[in-house]
Amino acid sequence: MAAFLSATWWAWVVLGFALGVLEILVPGYIFLGFAIGAVATGIVVGTGIGPSGISALLLVFAIASVIAWLVLRRVMGVRAGQVKIWDRDINDDR
């Protein structure tokens, strides 16, 4: 059953929309990259240009999700309340 659903384009799109709703409920831009990756995988499966095996589809989903997350990170930037990474120690001011 899972192999059948993984090769169905609308299952990926439904998963993407479900992750999008989850992103609205849980703030932090964590699930938005996964949602975009799932919809992109659904488009790839729907057009027939993508692979048909479940492991290859999961790889497409992972790559699309990482690319979407990196693009979102670049576009939206770092939020004001995030932790800053320090390059030097404040006690080394000699």
C-alpha atoms as a PDB file:
ATOM      1  CA  MET A   1       0.000   0.000   0.000  1.00  0.00           C
ATOM      2  CA  ALA A   2       2.815   2.441   0.840  1.00  0.00           C
ATOM      3  CA  ALA A   3       4.569   1.699  -2.465  1.00  0.00           C
ATOM      4  CA  PHE A   4       1.341   2.436  -4.337  1.00  0.00           C
ATOM      5  CA  LEU A   5       0.831   5.741  -2.552  1.00  0.00           C
ATOM      6  CA  SER A   6       4.440   6.799  -3.059  1.00  0.00           C
ATOM      7  CA  ALA A   7       4.020   6.532  -6.832  1.00  0.00           C
ATOM      8  CA  THR A   8       0.785   8.563  -6.802  1.00  0.00           C
ATOM      9  CA  TRP A   9       1.258  12.273  -7.460  1.00  0.00           C
ATOM     10  CA  TRP A  10      -1.709  13.438  -5.417  1.00  0.00           C
ATOM     11  CA  ALA A  11      -0.452  11.641  -2.296  1.00  0.00           C
ATOM     12  CA  TRP A  12       2.709  13.781  -2.381  1.00  0.00           C
ATOM     13  CA  VAL A  13       0.684  16.957  -2.904  1.00  0.00           C
ATOM     14  CA  VAL A  14      -1.649  16.069  -0.007  1.00  0.00           C
ATOM     15  CA  LEU A  15       1.409  15.412   2.176  1.00  0.00           C
ATOM     16  CA  GLY A  16       2.799  18.805   1.153  1.00  0.00           C
ATOM     17  CA  PHE A  17      -0.426  20.597   2.056  1.00  0.00           C
ATOM     18  CA  ALA A  18      -0.617  18.720   5.372  1.00  0.00           C
ATOM     19  CA  LEU A  19       2.937  19.808   6.177  1.00  0.00           C
ATOM     20  CA  GLY A  20       1.994  23.357   5.184  1.00  0.00           C
ATOM     21  CA  VAL A  21      -0.899  23.300   7.659  1.00  0.00           C
ATOM     22  CA  LEU A  22       1.442  21.898  10.294  1.00  0.00           C
ATOM     23  CA  GLU A  23       3.820  24.798   9.598  1.00  0.00           C
ATOM     24  CA  ILE A  24       1.009  27.238  10.339  1.00  0.00           C
ATOM     25  CA  LEU A  25       0.287  25.510  13.644  1.00  0.00           C
ATOM     26  CA  VAL A  26       3.954  25.136  14.671  1.00  0.00           C
ATOM     27  CA  PRO A  27       5.833  28.355  13.885  1.00  0.00           C
ATOM     28  CA  GLY A  28       9.486  28.393  13.018  1.00  0.00           C
ATOM     29  CA  TYR A  29       9.788  27.652   9.276  1.00  0.00           C
ATOM     30  CA  ILE A  30      10.693  24.036   9.966  1.00  0.00           C
ATOM     31  CA  PHE A  31       8.031  22.196   7.997  1.00  0.00           C
ATOM     32  CA  LEU A  32       7.753  24.678   5.112  1.00  0.00           C
ATOM     33  CA  GLY A  33      10.799  23.284   3.306  1.00  0.00           C
ATOM     34  CA  PHE A  34       9.413  19.761   3.668  1.00  0.00           C
ATOM     35  CA  ALA A  35       6.033  20.935   2.365  1.00  0.00           C
ATOM     36  CA  ILE A  36       7.614  22.507  -0.699  1.00  0.00           C
ATOM     37  CA  GLY A  37       9.718  19.375  -1.227  1.00  0.00           C
ATOM     38  CA  ALA A  38       6.647  17.138  -1.058  1.00  0.00           C
ATOM     39  CA  VAL A  39       4.706  19.268  -3.555  1.00  0.00           C
ATOM     40  CA  ALA A  40       7.750  19.370  -5.854  1.00  0.00           C
ATOM     41  CA  THR A  41       8.007  15.570  -5.638  1.00  0.00           C
ATOM     42  CA  GLY A  42       4.304  15.335  -6.476  1.00  0.00           C
ATOM     43  CA  ILE A  43       4.889  17.499  -9.536  1.00  0.00           C
ATOM     44  CA  VAL A  44       7.826  15.321 -10.598  1.00  0.00           C
ATOM     45  CA  VAL A  45       5.751  12.159 -10.182  1.00  0.00           C
ATOM     46  CA  GLY A  46       2.735  13.723 -11.897  1.00  0.00           C
ATOM     47  CA  THR A  47       4.691  14.772 -14.970  1.00  0.00           C
ATOM     48  CA  GLY A  48       6.310  11.359 -15.238  1.00  0.00           C
ATOM     49  CA  ILE A  49       9.871  12.655 -15.494  1.00  0.00           C
ATOM     50  CA  GLY A  50      10.930  11.291 -12.115  1.00  0.00           C
ATOM     51  CA  PRO A  51      11.928   7.857 -10.875  1.00  0.00           C
ATOM     52  CA  SER A  52       9.362   5.255  -9.901  1.00  0.00           C
ATOM     53  CA  GLY A  53      10.975   3.445  -6.944  1.00  0.00           C
ATOM     54  CA  ILE A  54      10.186   4.480  -3.384  1.00  0.00           C
ATOM     55  CA  SER A  55      13.836   4.929  -2.433  1.00  0.00           C
ATOM     56  CA  ALA A  56      14.477   7.146  -5.455  1.00  0.00           C
ATOM     57  CA  LEU A  57      11.346   9.188  -4.700  1.00  0.00           C
ATOM     58  CA  LEU A  58      12.472   9.665  -1.119  1.00  0.00           C
ATOM     59  CA  LEU A  59      15.818  10.874  -2.443  1.00  0.00           C
ATOM     60  CA  VAL A  60      14.036  13.359  -4.732  1.00  0.00           C
ATOM     61  CA  PHE A  61      11.945  14.482  -1.755  1.00  0.00           C
ATOM     62  CA  ALA A  62      15.039  14.927   0.431  1.00  0.00           C
ATOM     63  CA  ILE A  63      16.954  16.887  -2.196  1.00  0.00           C
ATOM     64  CA  ALA A  64      13.952  19.101  -3.020  1.00  0.00           C
ATOM     65  CA  SER A  65      13.345  19.738   0.687  1.00  0.00           C
ATOM     66  CA  VAL A  66      16.945  20.744   1.371  1.00  0.00           C
ATOM     67  CA  ILE A  67      17.012  23.052  -1.656  1.00  0.00           C
ATOM     68  CA  ALA A  68      13.692  24.613  -0.614  1.00  0.00           C
ATOM     69  CA  TRP A  69      14.934  25.069   2.956  1.00  0.00           C
ATOM     70  CA  LEU A  70      18.158  26.728   1.783  1.00  0.00           C
ATOM     71  CA  VAL A  71      16.261  29.070  -0.543  1.00  0.00           C
ATOM     72  CA  LEU A  72      13.812  29.958   2.234  1.00  0.00           C
ATOM     73  CA  ARG A  73      16.695  30.566   4.605  1.00  0.00           C
ATOM     74  CA  ARG A  74      18.342  32.882   2.081  1.00  0.00           C
ATOM     75  CA  VAL A  75      15.116  34.769   1.283  1.00  0.00           C
ATOM     76  CA  MET A  76      13.728  35.089   4.813  1.00  0.00           C
ATOM     77  CA  GLY A  77      17.076  35.442   6.550  1.00  0.00           C
ATOM     78  CA  VAL A  78      17.919  34.864  10.173  1.00  0.00           C
ATOM     79  CA  ARG A  79      15.277  35.994  12.623  1.00  0.00           C
ATOM     80  CA  ALA A  80      16.129  38.625  15.233  1.00  0.00           C
ATOM     81  CA  GLY A  81      15.718  36.260  18.193  1.00  0.00           C
ATOM     82  CA  GLN A  82      17.988  33.476  16.950  1.00  0.00           C
ATOM     83  CA  VAL A  83      21.218  32.549  18.649  1.00  0.00           C
ATOM     84  CA  LYS A  84      24.254  34.414  17.419  1.00  0.00           C
ATOM     85  CA  ILE A  85      27.468  32.506  16.812  1.00  0.00           C
ATOM     86  CA  TRP A  86      30.442  34.359  18.237  1.00  0.00           C
ATOM     87  CA  ASP A  87      33.762  34.315  16.413  1.00  0.00           C
ATOM     88  CA  ARG A  88      35.836  35.361  19.399  1.00  0.00           C
ATOM     89  CA  ASP A  89      35.545  35.341  23.163  1.00  0.00           C
ATOM     90  CA  ILE A  90      34.697  38.643  24.879  1.00  0.00           C
ATOM     91  CA  ASN A  91      37.408  37.962  27.469  1.00  0.00           C
ATOM     92  CA  ASP A  92      40.108  37.888  24.772  1.00  0.00           C
ATOM     93  CA  ASP A  93      40.018  41.656  24.344  1.00  0.00           C
ATOM     94  CA  ARG A  94      43.725  42.281  24.925  1.00  0.00           C
END
